[in-house]
Protein backbone atom coordinates (compact mmCIF):
# COMPACT_ATOMS: atom_id res chain seq x y z
CA MET A 1 92.67 -67.86 -106.14
CA ARG A 2 90.99 -65.00 -107.02
CA GLU A 3 87.77 -67.28 -108.79
CA THR A 4 87.69 -69.04 -105.23
CA ILE A 5 86.85 -65.73 -103.81
CA PHE A 6 84.58 -64.52 -106.32
CA LYS A 7 82.88 -67.96 -106.04
CA PHE A 8 82.35 -67.18 -102.23
CA PHE A 9 81.26 -63.27 -102.26
CA VAL A 10 78.39 -65.27 -105.13
CA VAL A 11 77.35 -67.48 -102.79
CA THR A 12 77.25 -65.42 -99.54
CA ALA A 13 74.95 -62.40 -101.28
CA LEU A 14 72.24 -65.12 -102.87
CA ALA A 15 72.23 -66.55 -99.40
CA VAL A 16 71.44 -62.51 -97.58
CA LEU A 17 69.26 -62.06 -101.08
CA ALA A 18 67.08 -65.03 -99.75
CA VAL A 19 66.80 -64.57 -96.30
CA SER A 20 65.82 -61.07 -97.26
CA VAL A 21 63.14 -62.28 -99.75
CA PHE A 22 61.83 -64.85 -97.00
CA LEU A 23 61.00 -62.20 -94.62
CA LEU A 24 59.81 -59.83 -96.57
CA TYR A 25 57.46 -63.03 -97.66
CA GLN A 26 56.06 -63.37 -94.08
CA GLU A 27 55.60 -59.72 -93.63
CA THR A 28 53.38 -59.18 -96.60
CA LYS A 29 52.08 -62.62 -95.17
CA ASN A 30 51.17 -61.23 -91.70
CA LEU A 31 49.81 -57.83 -93.26
CA GLN A 32 47.65 -59.74 -95.31
CA SER A 33 45.90 -61.34 -92.40
CA LEU A 34 45.74 -58.86 -90.53
CA SER A 35 43.87 -56.72 -93.35
CA LYS A 36 40.99 -59.95 -93.32
CA PRO A 37 37.17 -57.98 -92.79
CA GLU A 38 36.36 -60.87 -90.49
CA ASP A 39 39.59 -60.48 -88.52
CA ILE A 40 39.30 -56.63 -88.08
CA VAL A 41 35.57 -56.58 -87.31
CA ASN A 42 36.29 -59.04 -84.38
CA GLN A 43 39.06 -57.13 -83.19
CA LYS A 44 36.92 -53.87 -83.09
CA ALA A 45 34.76 -56.31 -81.36
CA VAL A 46 37.41 -57.66 -78.54
CA ASP A 47 37.98 -53.91 -78.10
CA ALA A 48 34.26 -52.33 -77.75
CA PHE A 49 33.66 -55.63 -75.78
CA GLU A 50 36.77 -54.90 -73.49
CA GLU A 51 36.09 -51.51 -73.21
CA ASN A 52 32.52 -52.14 -71.63
CA LEU A 53 33.89 -54.56 -69.50
CA GLU A 54 35.66 -51.61 -68.01
CA SER A 55 33.06 -49.14 -67.83
CA ASP A 56 30.71 -51.76 -66.01
CA THR A 57 33.77 -52.54 -63.31
CA GLN A 58 33.87 -48.47 -62.85
CA GLU A 59 30.21 -48.14 -62.38
CA SER A 60 29.69 -50.49 -60.45
CA SER A 61 32.87 -49.62 -58.40
CA ASP A 62 31.02 -46.52 -57.47
CA ILE A 63 27.51 -47.71 -56.93
CA GLN A 64 28.85 -49.93 -54.07
CA ALA A 65 31.07 -46.79 -53.17
CA GLN A 66 28.21 -44.80 -52.70
CA LEU A 67 26.44 -48.19 -50.87
CA ASP A 68 28.68 -48.08 -48.08
CA ALA A 69 28.83 -45.01 -47.60
CA LEU A 70 24.81 -44.60 -47.53
CA LYS A 71 25.25 -48.03 -44.77
CA ALA A 72 27.41 -46.02 -42.90
CA TYR A 73 25.28 -43.03 -42.55
CA PHE A 74 22.70 -45.08 -41.26
CA ASP A 75 24.75 -47.14 -39.12
CA GLN A 76 25.99 -43.91 -37.13
CA ALA A 77 21.77 -42.78 -37.31
CA LEU A 78 20.92 -45.80 -35.81
CA ALA A 79 23.68 -45.44 -33.05
CA THR A 80 23.15 -41.54 -32.09
CA VAL A 81 19.49 -42.64 -31.38
CA SER A 82 20.07 -45.49 -29.35
CA ALA A 83 22.38 -43.75 -27.29
CA THR A 84 19.98 -40.94 -26.68
CA LYS A 85 17.63 -41.91 -23.38
CA PRO A 86 14.20 -40.05 -24.56
CA THR A 87 13.29 -37.21 -22.06
CA VAL A 88 9.94 -37.67 -20.33
CA SER A 89 8.39 -33.86 -19.82
CA ILE A 90 6.24 -34.55 -16.03
CA PRO A 91 4.37 -31.24 -15.46
CA SER A 92 5.08 -29.45 -12.52
CA GLN A 93 2.42 -29.67 -9.98
CA LYS A 94 0.74 -26.14 -9.77
CA GLN A 95 1.10 -25.60 -5.91
CA GLU A 96 -1.80 -23.54 -3.96
CA LEU A 97 -2.04 -20.33 -2.29
CA GLN A 98 -2.36 -20.00 0.80
CA THR A 99 -4.66 -17.00 2.19
CA THR A 100 -4.70 -15.27 5.10
CA TYR A 101 -7.38 -12.65 6.75
CA ILE A 102 -6.28 -9.89 8.72
CA PRO A 103 -9.29 -8.46 10.76
CA LEU A 104 -9.64 -4.58 10.68
CA GLY A 105 -11.79 -3.25 13.42
CA THR A 106 -15.70 -3.47 14.66
CA THR A 107 -18.48 -1.09 14.22
CA PHE A 108 -17.78 2.02 13.85
CA LYS A 109 -20.10 5.36 13.51
CA THR A 110 -18.97 9.01 12.59
CA SER A 111 -21.08 11.58 10.63
CA SER A 112 -17.69 13.61 9.40
CA THR A 113 -16.90 14.54 6.18
CA ASN A 114 -13.34 14.75 6.49
CA TRP A 115 -11.48 11.55 7.29
CA VAL A 116 -11.61 9.55 10.50
CA ASP A 117 -9.76 7.09 12.26
CA VAL A 118 -11.73 3.68 13.01
CA THR A 119 -10.40 3.47 16.64
CA ASP A 120 -9.42 -0.46 16.83
CA SER A 121 -8.79 -1.43 13.20
CA GLY A 122 -4.84 -0.79 13.21
CA ALA A 123 -2.76 -3.68 12.23
CA TYR A 124 1.45 -3.78 11.67
CA ILE A 125 2.15 -5.97 8.22
CA ASP A 126 5.25 -6.86 6.57
CA ILE A 127 4.18 -7.96 2.60
CA GLU A 128 7.09 -8.92 1.99
CA ASN A 129 9.02 -10.43 4.67
CA ASP A 130 5.37 -12.24 5.94
CA TYR A 131 4.04 -13.44 2.90
CA GLY A 132 6.51 -12.27 -0.09
CA GLN A 133 6.73 -9.78 -2.86
CA ASN A 134 3.94 -11.63 -5.30
CA ALA A 135 1.47 -11.65 -2.54
CA TYR A 136 -1.43 -10.38 -4.27
CA ILE A 137 -4.22 -8.19 -1.45
CA GLU A 138 -7.55 -7.03 -1.70
CA TRP A 139 -9.28 -6.23 1.66
CA GLU A 140 -13.14 -5.38 2.17
CA ALA A 141 -15.90 -3.73 4.46
CA TYR A 142 -19.48 -3.84 5.10
CA LEU A 143 -20.59 -0.03 5.06
CA SER A 144 -24.19 1.53 5.42
CA VAL A 145 -25.76 5.10 5.52
CA ALA A 146 -28.68 5.78 8.32
CA HIS A 147 -32.02 5.87 6.85
CA GLY A 148 -31.00 4.80 3.91
CA ASN A 149 -29.84 8.45 2.52
CA GLY A 150 -26.21 9.39 1.92
CA GLN A 151 -22.78 8.00 0.66
CA VAL A 152 -20.07 6.51 3.06
CA PHE A 153 -16.28 6.01 2.13
CA ALA A 154 -13.88 4.17 3.76
CA ARG A 155 -10.12 3.73 2.49
CA LEU A 156 -6.94 1.59 4.58
CA TRP A 157 -4.21 4.34 5.64
CA ASP A 158 -0.39 3.61 6.10
CA ASP A 159 -0.12 5.59 9.65
CA THR A 160 3.70 4.38 9.22
CA ASN A 161 4.01 6.09 5.82
CA LYS A 162 1.49 8.92 6.60
CA ILE A 163 -0.81 8.34 3.24
CA ALA A 164 -3.42 6.30 1.96
CA VAL A 165 -3.09 3.12 -0.01
CA ALA A 166 -3.99 3.67 -3.37
CA GLY A 167 -6.70 1.94 -4.91
CA SER A 168 -8.11 0.88 -1.17
CA GLU A 169 -11.20 3.93 -1.46
CA LEU A 170 -14.24 1.44 -1.11
CA THR A 171 -17.72 3.41 -1.08
CA SER A 172 -21.87 2.97 -0.75
CA ILE A 173 -24.60 4.94 -2.01
CA ASN A 174 -28.19 4.53 -0.04
CA ASN A 175 -27.78 1.63 1.67
CA SER A 176 -29.38 1.57 5.72
CA THR A 177 -28.39 -2.51 5.95
CA ALA A 178 -24.32 -3.02 5.56
CA LYS A 179 -23.40 -3.86 2.04
CA LEU A 180 -20.36 -5.87 1.77
CA VAL A 181 -17.86 -3.90 -0.50
CA ILE A 182 -14.78 -5.16 -2.06
CA SER A 183 -11.97 -3.84 -3.28
CA PRO A 184 -9.07 -4.30 -6.60
CA ARG A 185 -6.09 -5.88 -5.89
CA ILE A 186 -4.27 -2.77 -3.62
CA TYR A 187 -0.69 -2.81 -3.23
CA LEU A 188 1.30 -2.19 0.04
CA TRP A 189 4.80 -0.27 1.11
CA ARG A 190 7.51 -2.31 1.82
CA GLY A 191 8.96 -3.18 5.06
CA ARG A 192 6.53 -3.13 8.26
CA ASN A 193 4.07 -0.27 8.51
CA LEU A 194 1.16 0.23 10.52
CA TYR A 195 -2.12 -0.03 8.88
CA LYS A 196 -5.76 1.60 9.82
CA VAL A 197 -9.29 2.01 7.79
CA GLN A 198 -10.81 5.31 7.46
CA ILE A 199 -14.02 6.12 6.95
CA LYS A 200 -16.18 9.59 6.16
CA SER A 201 -19.99 10.76 5.27
CA LEU A 202 -20.39 12.53 1.99
CA ASN A 203 -23.25 14.83 3.53
CA GLY A 204 -22.76 14.49 7.05
CA PHE A 205 -25.09 11.92 7.32
CA GLU A 206 -24.20 9.04 9.65
CA VAL A 207 -22.25 6.37 8.52
CA THR A 208 -21.22 2.72 9.87
CA TYR A 209 -18.72 0.93 9.08
CA SER A 210 -19.79 -2.62 10.46
CA SER A 211 -16.16 -4.53 9.76
CA GLY A 212 -13.59 -5.38 7.99
CA ARG A 213 -10.52 -7.02 7.03
CA MET A 214 -7.57 -7.24 4.46
CA LYS A 215 -7.15 -10.61 2.07
CA ILE A 216 -3.59 -11.75 1.59
CA SER A 217 -2.89 -15.04 -1.04
CA TYR A 218 0.42 -15.82 -1.30
């Protein structure tokens, strides 16, 4: 009985030892196979190829994303330009000014050295209501001095406000025949006012106001 049991244990131990030796042999064979130089080189080449392939794939993906974004930008810009209607600027035509002349009396003579009203020269004018606040006003008169010796003066008088119109004074020296004298631009007070022409002589010689008028451009 004891001999039988002993034989069983011996056989079992030998079987286990044989299996262990076989497994050890297989592992050693595998390690030797992997340790060959050409296998190691091939494995490195495969790893490098896979790494480069992965890198190229990522770069290609990034480039495609940039191209898609650029295409979307140009598509949007093109749509904006197409939707925008060109604006054509048409220059406005400059409105031609109208001109009105208001006569201010007829021939009048005096030797006075003080301002004297020209009797028939009065005219009522409401500059803003009749012609607008941007109206351009000037006036002109024909003046002369007897014998061509002396000086004559003429001006506009605002008889409503009892004041001379600023900048309206005209003069002529030593002209025996009527000479046209024109004022610079003048400005009239607001409201409906009565305007008259006044003249005078410098040294008492006779002076003549032949005619005059106010010119209004608006």
